[in-house]
Amino acid sequence: MVRMVSRSLEIQYDPEADAAYIYVVGLGPGRTVARTKFCDVGLQGSAVILGLDATDGIVGIEILGASKVLPSNLLVESEQG
């Protein structure tokens, strides 16, 4: 198993919506979300939506029902940051 930690990774969490957005790369010229792809994760009340750029590279990942799939300590840190 390979684990990669990137300092450019940013997570924002909205506890009211129970939604998290993970920015995989910085947005900028040529790195904007051109389309999205819905992914059913098989948990009621949860979903994953990929934000893709013009070349179908992943720009970000939105997680609905985030408290069901992400560690609570990660969500708390994301609210504060």
Protein backbone atom coordinates (compact mmCIF):
# COMPACT_ATOMS: atom_id res chain seq x y z
CA MET A 1 0.00 0.00 0.00
CA VAL A 2 1.28 3.45 -0.90
CA ARG A 3 0.18 6.47 1.08
CA MET A 4 0.72 9.92 -0.36
CA VAL A 5 0.23 13.10 1.62
CA SER A 6 0.22 16.37 -0.24
CA ARG A 7 0.50 19.81 1.31
CA SER A 8 -1.52 21.19 -1.60
CA LEU A 9 -4.58 19.14 -0.64
CA GLU A 10 -7.35 21.28 0.86
CA ILE A 11 -10.57 20.06 2.46
CA GLN A 12 -13.58 22.24 3.23
CA TYR A 13 -16.48 20.90 5.29
CA ASP A 14 -19.97 22.35 5.72
CA PRO A 15 -21.54 20.66 8.77
CA GLU A 16 -25.03 22.03 8.00
CA ALA A 17 -25.02 20.36 4.59
CA ASP A 18 -22.81 17.47 5.80
CA ALA A 19 -20.80 18.00 2.63
CA ALA A 20 -17.04 18.06 2.16
CA TYR A 21 -15.07 19.25 -0.84
CA ILE A 22 -11.54 17.98 -1.34
CA TYR A 23 -9.46 20.13 -3.69
CA VAL A 24 -7.00 17.76 -5.36
CA VAL A 25 -5.17 20.45 -7.35
CA GLY A 26 -5.15 24.22 -7.24
CA LEU A 27 -7.62 25.87 -9.56
CA GLY A 28 -6.27 28.34 -12.06
CA PRO A 29 -5.90 28.80 -15.80
CA GLY A 30 -6.84 25.50 -17.42
CA ARG A 31 -7.66 23.90 -14.05
CA THR A 32 -11.30 24.80 -13.63
CA VAL A 33 -14.11 22.29 -13.23
CA ALA A 34 -15.50 21.67 -16.71
CA ARG A 35 -17.90 18.87 -15.78
CA THR A 36 -18.90 16.63 -12.90
CA LYS A 37 -19.42 12.89 -12.58
CA PHE A 38 -21.75 11.42 -9.96
CA CYS A 39 -20.55 8.25 -8.19
CA ASP A 40 -22.94 6.25 -5.99
CA VAL A 41 -21.04 4.93 -2.97
CA GLY A 42 -23.81 2.58 -1.86
CA LEU A 43 -24.51 4.29 1.47
CA GLN A 44 -27.93 5.84 1.93
CA GLY A 45 -27.56 9.61 2.15
CA SER A 46 -24.02 9.63 0.74
CA ALA A 47 -22.60 10.28 -2.69
CA VAL A 48 -19.35 11.27 -4.32
CA ILE A 49 -19.18 13.81 -7.13
CA LEU A 50 -15.95 14.20 -9.08
CA GLY A 51 -15.03 17.63 -10.43
CA LEU A 52 -13.19 17.12 -13.73
CA ASP A 53 -11.20 19.55 -15.85
CA ALA A 54 -11.35 19.80 -19.64
CA THR A 55 -9.05 16.77 -20.03
CA ASP A 56 -11.03 14.68 -17.48
CA GLY A 57 -8.37 15.12 -14.80
CA ILE A 58 -9.73 15.22 -11.25
CA VAL A 59 -9.75 18.74 -9.82
CA GLY A 60 -11.80 18.01 -6.72
CA ILE A 61 -14.05 15.53 -4.97
CA GLU A 62 -17.32 16.48 -3.31
CA ILE A 63 -18.63 14.10 -0.67
CA LEU A 64 -22.27 14.32 0.36
CA GLY A 65 -23.04 12.66 3.69
CA ALA A 66 -19.39 13.24 4.55
CA SER A 67 -19.79 12.34 8.23
CA LYS A 68 -20.69 8.79 7.14
CA VAL A 69 -17.49 8.20 5.15
CA LEU A 70 -14.75 10.52 6.47
CA PRO A 71 -13.05 10.43 9.89
CA SER A 72 -14.60 12.92 12.32
CA ASN A 73 -11.21 14.43 13.25
CA LEU A 74 -10.63 15.32 9.59
CA LEU A 75 -14.01 17.04 9.38
CA VAL A 76 -13.44 19.03 12.58
CA GLU A 77 -10.04 20.25 11.30
CA SER A 78 -11.67 21.19 7.96
CA GLU A 79 -14.29 23.33 9.72
CA GLN A 80 -11.61 25.26 11.62
CA GLY A 81 -9.23 25.78 8.72
